[in-house]
Amino acid sequence: MSLLVISDAPFSLAHIIYLIINLIWFILGTILIKKYVKNQKTLDLIIRISGLLLLICVSTMRIGETIHFMNKEPGVYHWYSILPNSFCSFASFFLGIFSIFYKKDNIVFHFLIYIALIGGLIATVFPEYLEDDGFFSLVGITALLHHSLSIWICIILLVNKQITPEYKKIFAFIIGFGIMLLLGAFELFVLKYPTSMNLDKPLSRAAGIISSWYFIYLGSTLLTLLFIFILRKIYKLPNKDEIKPLE
């Protein structure tokens, strides 16, 4: 059967069209911001509005998913199950909050940008969750949107040099990821979530054990270091003073 059919499966016609729209959005949006946004105040406003939209999408997704499973498995899921239970929902939730109260080069972005960008790209291009939730369901479409919005915010911040990539700030990523895992352990063992932060199972059914949390932790840390190296080359950054902020 051809993949180019309208269905809920990943790489269906609907999903491919969504990816094309994302590509146009990211490219055109970046060009327009670089051309017309000439001051930090306007850029801050764009980031804050994007953060609000991101928080709305990820919250809607979590609420919709929780209600679905409370009806499907009463006694297993509860109202507090709306708390983020995956790497991407955690990253999107806090990226949304810190973007709403945006402060340039806030240390939390040195964790959130990398985890949201890596996770957002993978989950948008390879959305295994669509097999369970469906593209046209509330949970499915808001899941896609919150990943896309997280990528969008990361693009704005990186293209407009809103963070200073420094190797020592890898500790923000290491500590942030550790906090995320601690929340997962609390949800899994105290709140009795059926699953949380993939502490109990691999992230991807297709990838298997290599998508277990410990591989992801190590791999994403190394990938972040590589990303910092690349950003420093792009920014021509031997030191912090060479980043020229918007006036």
C-alpha atoms as a PDB file:
ATOM      1  CA  MET A   1       0.000   0.000   0.000  1.00  0.00           C
ATOM      2  CA  SER A   2       1.334   3.440  -0.879  1.00  0.00           C
ATOM      3  CA  LEU A   3       2.450   5.719   1.915  1.00  0.00           C
ATOM      4  CA  LEU A   4       0.864   8.651   0.076  1.00  0.00           C
ATOM      5  CA  VAL A   5      -2.627   8.152   1.423  1.00  0.00           C
ATOM      6  CA  ILE A   6      -4.683  10.275   3.756  1.00  0.00           C
ATOM      7  CA  SER A   7      -4.474   8.396   7.036  1.00  0.00           C
ATOM      8  CA  ASP A   8      -3.288   8.698  10.599  1.00  0.00           C
ATOM      9  CA  ALA A   9      -0.026   6.833   9.987  1.00  0.00           C
ATOM     10  CA  PRO A  10       3.376   8.567   9.977  1.00  0.00           C
ATOM     11  CA  PHE A  11       4.368   9.603   6.430  1.00  0.00           C
ATOM     12  CA  SER A  12       0.775   9.580   5.306  1.00  0.00           C
ATOM     13  CA  LEU A  13      -0.242  12.323   2.895  1.00  0.00           C
ATOM     14  CA  ALA A  14      -1.493  14.415   5.823  1.00  0.00           C
ATOM     15  CA  HIS A  15       1.820  14.071   7.651  1.00  0.00           C
ATOM     16  CA  ILE A  16       3.898  14.875   4.565  1.00  0.00           C
ATOM     17  CA  ILE A  17       1.813  17.991   3.892  1.00  0.00           C
ATOM     18  CA  TYR A  18       2.312  18.976   7.542  1.00  0.00           C
ATOM     19  CA  LEU A  19       6.092  18.618   7.172  1.00  0.00           C
ATOM     20  CA  ILE A  20       6.076  20.780   4.035  1.00  0.00           C
ATOM     21  CA  ILE A  21       4.051  23.470   5.837  1.00  0.00           C
ATOM     22  CA  ASN A  22       6.556  23.346   8.705  1.00  0.00           C
ATOM     23  CA  LEU A  23       9.471  23.806   6.322  1.00  0.00           C
ATOM     24  CA  ILE A  24       7.819  26.828   4.684  1.00  0.00           C
ATOM     25  CA  TRP A  25       6.912  28.262   8.103  1.00  0.00           C
ATOM     26  CA  PHE A  26      10.445  27.933   9.483  1.00  0.00           C
ATOM     27  CA  ILE A  27      12.208  29.324   6.410  1.00  0.00           C
ATOM     28  CA  LEU A  28       9.785  32.176   5.695  1.00  0.00           C
ATOM     29  CA  GLY A  29       9.445  33.085   9.377  1.00  0.00           C
ATOM     30  CA  THR A  30      13.213  33.225   9.837  1.00  0.00           C
ATOM     31  CA  ILE A  31      13.647  35.416   6.749  1.00  0.00           C
ATOM     32  CA  LEU A  32      10.902  37.827   7.838  1.00  0.00           C
ATOM     33  CA  ILE A  33      12.305  38.164  11.354  1.00  0.00           C
ATOM     34  CA  LYS A  34      15.842  38.763  10.093  1.00  0.00           C
ATOM     35  CA  LYS A  35      14.557  41.371   7.605  1.00  0.00           C
ATOM     36  CA  TYR A  36      12.021  43.287   9.664  1.00  0.00           C
ATOM     37  CA  VAL A  37      12.820  42.786  13.357  1.00  0.00           C
ATOM     38  CA  LYS A  38      15.414  45.401  14.223  1.00  0.00           C
ATOM     39  CA  ASN A  39      15.218  45.628  18.013  1.00  0.00           C
ATOM     40  CA  GLN A  40      15.344  43.288  20.995  1.00  0.00           C
ATOM     41  CA  LYS A  41      11.961  44.381  22.339  1.00  0.00           C
ATOM     42  CA  THR A  42      10.105  43.191  19.223  1.00  0.00           C
ATOM     43  CA  LEU A  43      12.055  39.931  19.174  1.00  0.00           C
ATOM     44  CA  ASP A  44      11.220  39.352  22.844  1.00  0.00           C
ATOM     45  CA  LEU A  45       7.516  39.835  22.047  1.00  0.00           C
ATOM     46  CA  ILE A  46       7.652  37.256  19.225  1.00  0.00           C
ATOM     47  CA  ILE A  47       9.360  34.767  21.548  1.00  0.00           C
ATOM     48  CA  ARG A  48       6.815  35.369  24.325  1.00  0.00           C
ATOM     49  CA  ILE A  49       3.814  34.943  22.001  1.00  0.00           C
ATOM     50  CA  SER A  50       5.363  31.777  20.569  1.00  0.00           C
ATOM     51  CA  GLY A  51       5.942  30.526  24.116  1.00  0.00           C
ATOM     52  CA  LEU A  52       2.304  31.141  25.024  1.00  0.00           C
ATOM     53  CA  LEU A  53       1.114  29.205  21.963  1.00  0.00           C
ATOM     54  CA  LEU A  54       3.527  26.388  22.823  1.00  0.00           C
ATOM     55  CA  LEU A  55       2.266  26.192  26.408  1.00  0.00           C
ATOM     56  CA  ILE A  56      -1.356  26.115  25.201  1.00  0.00           C
ATOM     57  CA  CYS A  57      -0.628  23.301  22.732  1.00  0.00           C
ATOM     58  CA  VAL A  58       1.357  21.078  25.082  1.00  0.00           C
ATOM     59  CA  SER A  59      -1.154  21.628  27.925  1.00  0.00           C
ATOM     60  CA  THR A  60      -4.071  20.796  25.613  1.00  0.00           C
ATOM     61  CA  MET A  61      -2.276  17.654  24.478  1.00  0.00           C
ATOM     62  CA  ARG A  62      -1.606  16.511  28.055  1.00  0.00           C
ATOM     63  CA  ILE A  63      -5.174  17.275  29.199  1.00  0.00           C
ATOM     64  CA  GLY A  64      -6.694  15.510  26.185  1.00  0.00           C
ATOM     65  CA  GLU A  65      -4.479  12.462  26.640  1.00  0.00           C
ATOM     66  CA  THR A  66      -5.209  12.300  30.370  1.00  0.00           C
ATOM     67  CA  ILE A  67      -8.979  12.484  29.873  1.00  0.00           C
ATOM     68  CA  HIS A  68      -8.762   9.766  27.208  1.00  0.00           C
ATOM     69  CA  PHE A  69      -6.857   7.384  29.454  1.00  0.00           C
ATOM     70  CA  MET A  70      -8.930   8.213  32.564  1.00  0.00           C
ATOM     71  CA  ASN A  71     -11.973   7.021  30.611  1.00  0.00           C
ATOM     72  CA  LYS A  72     -10.132   4.057  29.119  1.00  0.00           C
ATOM     73  CA  GLU A  73      -8.337   2.922  32.279  1.00  0.00           C
ATOM     74  CA  PRO A  74     -10.102   4.391  35.340  1.00  0.00           C
ATOM     75  CA  GLY A  75      -8.105   4.004  38.521  1.00  0.00           C
ATOM     76  CA  VAL A  76      -4.817   3.901  36.624  1.00  0.00           C
ATOM     77  CA  TYR A  77      -4.845   7.504  35.373  1.00  0.00           C
ATOM     78  CA  HIS A  78      -5.799  10.491  37.542  1.00  0.00           C
ATOM     79  CA  TRP A  79      -6.105  14.266  37.140  1.00  0.00           C
ATOM     80  CA  TYR A  80      -2.454  14.714  38.103  1.00  0.00           C
ATOM     81  CA  SER A  81      -1.468  12.572  35.115  1.00  0.00           C
ATOM     82  CA  ILE A  82      -1.456  15.829  33.138  1.00  0.00           C
ATOM     83  CA  LEU A  83       2.086  16.411  34.452  1.00  0.00           C
ATOM     84  CA  PRO A  84       4.619  15.977  31.609  1.00  0.00           C
ATOM     85  CA  ASN A  85       5.602  12.311  31.306  1.00  0.00           C
ATOM     86  CA  SER A  86       7.929  12.380  28.290  1.00  0.00           C
ATOM     87  CA  PHE A  87      11.128  14.161  27.294  1.00  0.00           C
ATOM     88  CA  CYS A  88       9.331  16.233  24.671  1.00  0.00           C
ATOM     89  CA  SER A  89       6.341  17.230  26.796  1.00  0.00           C
ATOM     90  CA  PHE A  90       8.708  18.221  29.634  1.00  0.00           C
ATOM     91  CA  ALA A  91      10.884  20.271  27.256  1.00  0.00           C
ATOM     92  CA  SER A  92       7.894  21.935  25.560  1.00  0.00           C
ATOM     93  CA  PHE A  93       6.143  22.723  28.839  1.00  0.00           C
ATOM     94  CA  PHE A  94       9.137  24.480  30.381  1.00  0.00           C
ATOM     95  CA  LEU A  95      10.314  26.034  27.111  1.00  0.00           C
ATOM     96  CA  GLY A  96       6.840  27.562  26.861  1.00  0.00           C
ATOM     97  CA  ILE A  97       6.948  28.932  30.403  1.00  0.00           C
ATOM     98  CA  PHE A  98      10.466  30.357  30.173  1.00  0.00           C
ATOM     99  CA  SER A  99       9.713  31.843  26.747  1.00  0.00           C
ATOM    100  CA  ILE A 100       6.654  33.642  28.122  1.00  0.00           C
ATOM    101  CA  PHE A 101       8.898  35.212  30.776  1.00  0.00           C
ATOM    102  CA  TYR A 102      11.753  35.507  28.324  1.00  0.00           C
ATOM    103  CA  LYS A 103      15.181  36.679  29.420  1.00  0.00           C
ATOM    104  CA  LYS A 104      18.045  36.549  26.960  1.00  0.00           C
ATOM    105  CA  ASP A 105      20.714  33.899  27.613  1.00  0.00           C
ATOM    106  CA  ASN A 106      18.862  32.520  30.650  1.00  0.00           C
ATOM    107  CA  ILE A 107      20.836  29.443  31.752  1.00  0.00           C
ATOM    108  CA  VAL A 108      17.752  27.184  31.449  1.00  0.00           C
ATOM    109  CA  PHE A 109      17.765  27.708  27.678  1.00  0.00           C
ATOM    110  CA  HIS A 110      21.140  25.989  27.533  1.00  0.00           C
ATOM    111  CA  PHE A 111      19.243  22.810  28.396  1.00  0.00           C
ATOM    112  CA  LEU A 112      15.802  23.456  26.933  1.00  0.00           C
ATOM    113  CA  ILE A 113      16.932  24.574  23.474  1.00  0.00           C
ATOM    114  CA  TYR A 114      18.988  21.461  22.781  1.00  0.00           C
ATOM    115  CA  ILE A 115      16.569  18.889  24.206  1.00  0.00           C
ATOM    116  CA  ALA A 116      13.572  20.594  22.560  1.00  0.00           C
ATOM    117  CA  LEU A 117      15.303  20.913  19.187  1.00  0.00           C
ATOM    118  CA  ILE A 118      16.631  17.345  19.103  1.00  0.00           C
ATOM    119  CA  GLY A 119      13.406  15.842  20.412  1.00  0.00           C
ATOM    120  CA  GLY A 120      11.183  18.116  18.358  1.00  0.00           C
ATOM    121  CA  LEU A 121      12.876  17.272  15.080  1.00  0.00           C
ATOM    122  CA  ILE A 122      12.800  13.521  15.705  1.00  0.00           C
ATOM    123  CA  ALA A 123       9.187  13.533  16.933  1.00  0.00           C
ATOM    124  CA  THR A 124       7.954  15.712  14.059  1.00  0.00           C
ATOM    125  CA  VAL A 125       9.664  13.738  11.296  1.00  0.00           C
ATOM    126  CA  PHE A 126       9.156  10.287  12.869  1.00  0.00           C
ATOM    127  CA  PRO A 127       5.918  10.638  14.907  1.00  0.00           C
ATOM    128  CA  GLU A 128       5.373   7.071  16.118  1.00  0.00           C
ATOM    129  CA  TYR A 129       2.694   8.434  18.472  1.00  0.00           C
ATOM    130  CA  LEU A 130       0.402   9.032  15.482  1.00  0.00           C
ATOM    131  CA  GLU A 131      -0.074   5.264  15.251  1.00  0.00           C
ATOM    132  CA  ASP A 132      -1.840   5.435  18.633  1.00  0.00           C
ATOM    133  CA  ASP A 133      -3.345   8.928  18.710  1.00  0.00           C
ATOM    134  CA  GLY A 134      -4.157   9.632  15.057  1.00  0.00           C
ATOM    135  CA  PHE A 135      -3.181  12.699  13.029  1.00  0.00           C
ATOM    136  CA  PHE A 136      -6.658  14.235  13.085  1.00  0.00           C
ATOM    137  CA  SER A 137      -7.339  13.647  16.781  1.00  0.00           C
ATOM    138  CA  LEU A 138      -7.000  16.464  19.344  1.00  0.00           C
ATOM    139  CA  VAL A 139      -4.063  14.718  20.989  1.00  0.00           C
ATOM    140  CA  GLY A 140      -2.381  13.898  17.680  1.00  0.00           C
ATOM    141  CA  ILE A 141      -2.535  17.372  16.150  1.00  0.00           C
ATOM    142  CA  THR A 142      -1.602  19.209  19.375  1.00  0.00           C
ATOM    143  CA  ALA A 143       1.318  16.797  19.846  1.00  0.00           C
ATOM    144  CA  LEU A 144       2.576  17.684  16.371  1.00  0.00           C
ATOM    145  CA  LEU A 145       2.009  21.398  16.955  1.00  0.00           C
ATOM    146  CA  HIS A 146       3.826  21.562  20.274  1.00  0.00           C
ATOM    147  CA  HIS A 147       6.858  19.841  18.733  1.00  0.00           C
ATOM    148  CA  SER A 148       6.781  22.275  15.791  1.00  0.00           C
ATOM    149  CA  LEU A 149       6.438  25.318  18.043  1.00  0.00           C
ATOM    150  CA  SER A 150       9.342  24.144  20.190  1.00  0.00           C
ATOM    151  CA  ILE A 151      11.494  23.842  17.039  1.00  0.00           C
ATOM    152  CA  TRP A 152      10.335  27.305  15.952  1.00  0.00           C
ATOM    153  CA  ILE A 153      11.336  28.918  19.258  1.00  0.00           C
ATOM    154  CA  CYS A 154      14.723  27.188  19.128  1.00  0.00           C
ATOM    155  CA  ILE A 155      15.268  28.504  15.591  1.00  0.00           C
ATOM    156  CA  ILE A 156      14.411  32.070  16.651  1.00  0.00           C
ATOM    157  CA  LEU A 157      16.776  31.917  19.608  1.00  0.00           C
ATOM    158  CA  LEU A 158      19.670  30.358  17.698  1.00  0.00           C
ATOM    159  CA  VAL A 159      19.421  32.352  14.453  1.00  0.00           C
ATOM    160  CA  ASN A 160      19.181  35.614  16.397  1.00  0.00           C
ATOM    161  CA  LYS A 161      22.044  34.709  18.763  1.00  0.00           C
ATOM    162  CA  GLN A 162      19.952  34.810  21.918  1.00  0.00           C
ATOM    163  CA  ILE A 163      22.223  32.389  23.750  1.00  0.00           C
ATOM    164  CA  THR A 164      25.993  32.326  24.151  1.00  0.00           C
ATOM    165  CA  PRO A 165      27.167  28.768  23.387  1.00  0.00           C
ATOM    166  CA  GLU A 166      29.925  27.893  25.865  1.00  0.00           C
ATOM    167  CA  TYR A 167      31.332  24.464  26.642  1.00  0.00           C
ATOM    168  CA  LYS A 168      31.082  25.018  30.396  1.00  0.00           C
ATOM    169  CA  LYS A 169      27.325  25.465  30.011  1.00  0.00           C
ATOM    170  CA  ILE A 170      26.997  21.776  29.096  1.00  0.00           C
ATOM    171  CA  PHE A 171      26.443  21.381  32.831  1.00  0.00           C
ATOM    172  CA  ALA A 172      23.085  23.132  32.368  1.00  0.00           C
ATOM    173  CA  PHE A 173      22.141  20.329  29.967  1.00  0.00           C
ATOM    174  CA  ILE A 174      23.464  17.561  32.226  1.00  0.00           C
ATOM    175  CA  ILE A 175      21.690  18.931  35.311  1.00  0.00           C
ATOM    176  CA  GLY A 176      18.491  19.758  33.405  1.00  0.00           C
ATOM    177  CA  PHE A 177      18.290  16.251  31.958  1.00  0.00           C
ATOM    178  CA  GLY A 178      18.914  14.843  35.439  1.00  0.00           C
ATOM    179  CA  ILE A 179      16.038  16.893  36.870  1.00  0.00           C
ATOM    180  CA  MET A 180      13.805  15.603  34.078  1.00  0.00           C
ATOM    181  CA  LEU A 181      14.720  12.017  34.985  1.00  0.00           C
ATOM    182  CA  LEU A 182      14.055  12.699  38.673  1.00  0.00           C
ATOM    183  CA  LEU A 183      10.574  13.939  37.793  1.00  0.00           C
ATOM    184  CA  GLY A 184      10.101  10.760  35.776  1.00  0.00           C
ATOM    185  CA  ALA A 185      11.148   8.617  38.738  1.00  0.00           C
ATOM    186  CA  PHE A 186       8.738  10.527  41.012  1.00  0.00           C
ATOM    187  CA  GLU A 187       5.870  10.023  38.560  1.00  0.00           C
ATOM    188  CA  LEU A 188       6.706   6.369  38.017  1.00  0.00           C
ATOM    189  CA  PHE A 189       7.300   5.240  41.598  1.00  0.00           C
ATOM    190  CA  VAL A 190       5.317   7.726  43.728  1.00  0.00           C
ATOM    191  CA  LEU A 191       2.424   8.829  41.518  1.00  0.00           C
ATOM    192  CA  LYS A 192       2.313   5.356  39.905  1.00  0.00           C
ATOM    193  CA  TYR A 193       2.292   6.534  36.287  1.00  0.00           C
ATOM    194  CA  PRO A 194       2.156   3.510  33.946  1.00  0.00           C
ATOM    195  CA  THR A 195       5.182   5.016  32.155  1.00  0.00           C
ATOM    196  CA  SER A 196       7.283   8.150  32.503  1.00  0.00           C
ATOM    197  CA  MET A 197      10.368   9.642  30.809  1.00  0.00           C
ATOM    198  CA  ASN A 198      10.998   6.225  29.241  1.00  0.00           C
ATOM    199  CA  LEU A 199      12.602   5.015  32.455  1.00  0.00           C
ATOM    200  CA  ASP A 200      10.669   1.767  32.094  1.00  0.00           C
ATOM    201  CA  LYS A 201      10.873   1.217  28.341  1.00  0.00           C
ATOM    202  CA  PRO A 202      12.697   2.458  25.222  1.00  0.00           C
ATOM    203  CA  LEU A 203      11.499   5.671  23.615  1.00  0.00           C
ATOM    204  CA  SER A 204      11.071   4.123  20.161  1.00  0.00           C
ATOM    205  CA  ARG A 205       9.571   0.755  19.355  1.00  0.00           C
ATOM    206  CA  ALA A 206      11.601   0.638  16.149  1.00  0.00           C
ATOM    207  CA  ALA A 207      14.940   1.678  17.689  1.00  0.00           C
ATOM    208  CA  GLY A 208      14.636  -0.601  20.716  1.00  0.00           C
ATOM    209  CA  ILE A 209      17.260  -0.545  23.481  1.00  0.00           C
ATOM    210  CA  ILE A 210      19.375   2.170  21.859  1.00  0.00           C
ATOM    211  CA  SER A 211      16.499   4.558  22.586  1.00  0.00           C
ATOM    212  CA  SER A 212      16.554   3.740  26.318  1.00  0.00           C
ATOM    213  CA  TRP A 213      16.973   6.705  28.636  1.00  0.00           C
ATOM    214  CA  TYR A 214      20.652   6.078  29.409  1.00  0.00           C
ATOM    215  CA  PHE A 215      21.589   5.947  25.718  1.00  0.00           C
ATOM    216  CA  ILE A 216      19.540   9.084  25.093  1.00  0.00           C
ATOM    217  CA  TYR A 217      21.186  10.867  28.054  1.00  0.00           C
ATOM    218  CA  LEU A 218      24.704  10.085  26.866  1.00  0.00           C
ATOM    219  CA  GLY A 219      23.969  10.557  23.168  1.00  0.00           C
ATOM    220  CA  SER A 220      22.134  13.869  23.584  1.00  0.00           C
ATOM    221  CA  THR A 221      24.903  15.224  25.840  1.00  0.00           C
ATOM    222  CA  LEU A 222      27.547  14.409  23.214  1.00  0.00           C
ATOM    223  CA  LEU A 223      25.317  15.815  20.481  1.00  0.00           C
ATOM    224  CA  THR A 224      24.861  19.025  22.477  1.00  0.00           C
ATOM    225  CA  LEU A 225      28.634  19.399  22.796  1.00  0.00           C
ATOM    226  CA  LEU A 226      28.902  19.011  19.020  1.00  0.00           C
ATOM    227  CA  PHE A 227      26.116  21.548  18.557  1.00  0.00           C
ATOM    228  CA  ILE A 228      27.940  24.032  20.818  1.00  0.00           C
ATOM    229  CA  PHE A 229      31.104  23.551  18.756  1.00  0.00           C
ATOM    230  CA  ILE A 230      29.195  24.174  15.504  1.00  0.00           C
ATOM    231  CA  LEU A 231      27.400  27.232  16.902  1.00  0.00           C
ATOM    232  CA  ARG A 232      30.671  28.757  18.089  1.00  0.00           C
ATOM    233  CA  LYS A 233      32.080  28.338  14.583  1.00  0.00           C
ATOM    234  CA  ILE A 234      28.970  29.855  12.998  1.00  0.00           C
ATOM    235  CA  TYR A 235      28.942  32.743  15.487  1.00  0.00           C
ATOM    236  CA  LYS A 236      32.736  33.157  15.054  1.00  0.00           C
ATOM    237  CA  LEU A 237      32.979  33.034  18.788  1.00  0.00           C
ATOM    238  CA  PRO A 238      36.363  32.879  20.512  1.00  0.00           C
ATOM    239  CA  ASN A 239      34.748  34.755  23.369  1.00  0.00           C
ATOM    240  CA  LYS A 240      31.366  36.010  24.537  1.00  0.00           C
ATOM    241  CA  ASP A 241      32.025  39.618  23.515  1.00  0.00           C
ATOM    242  CA  GLU A 242      31.840  38.777  19.832  1.00  0.00           C
ATOM    243  CA  ILE A 243      28.080  38.187  19.881  1.00  0.00           C
ATOM    244  CA  LYS A 244      26.457  41.414  18.803  1.00  0.00           C
ATOM    245  CA  PRO A 245      22.967  41.642  20.316  1.00  0.00           C
ATOM    246  CA  LEU A 246      20.114  43.547  18.737  1.00  0.00           C
ATOM    247  CA  GLU A 247      19.890  47.126  19.933  1.00  0.00           C
END
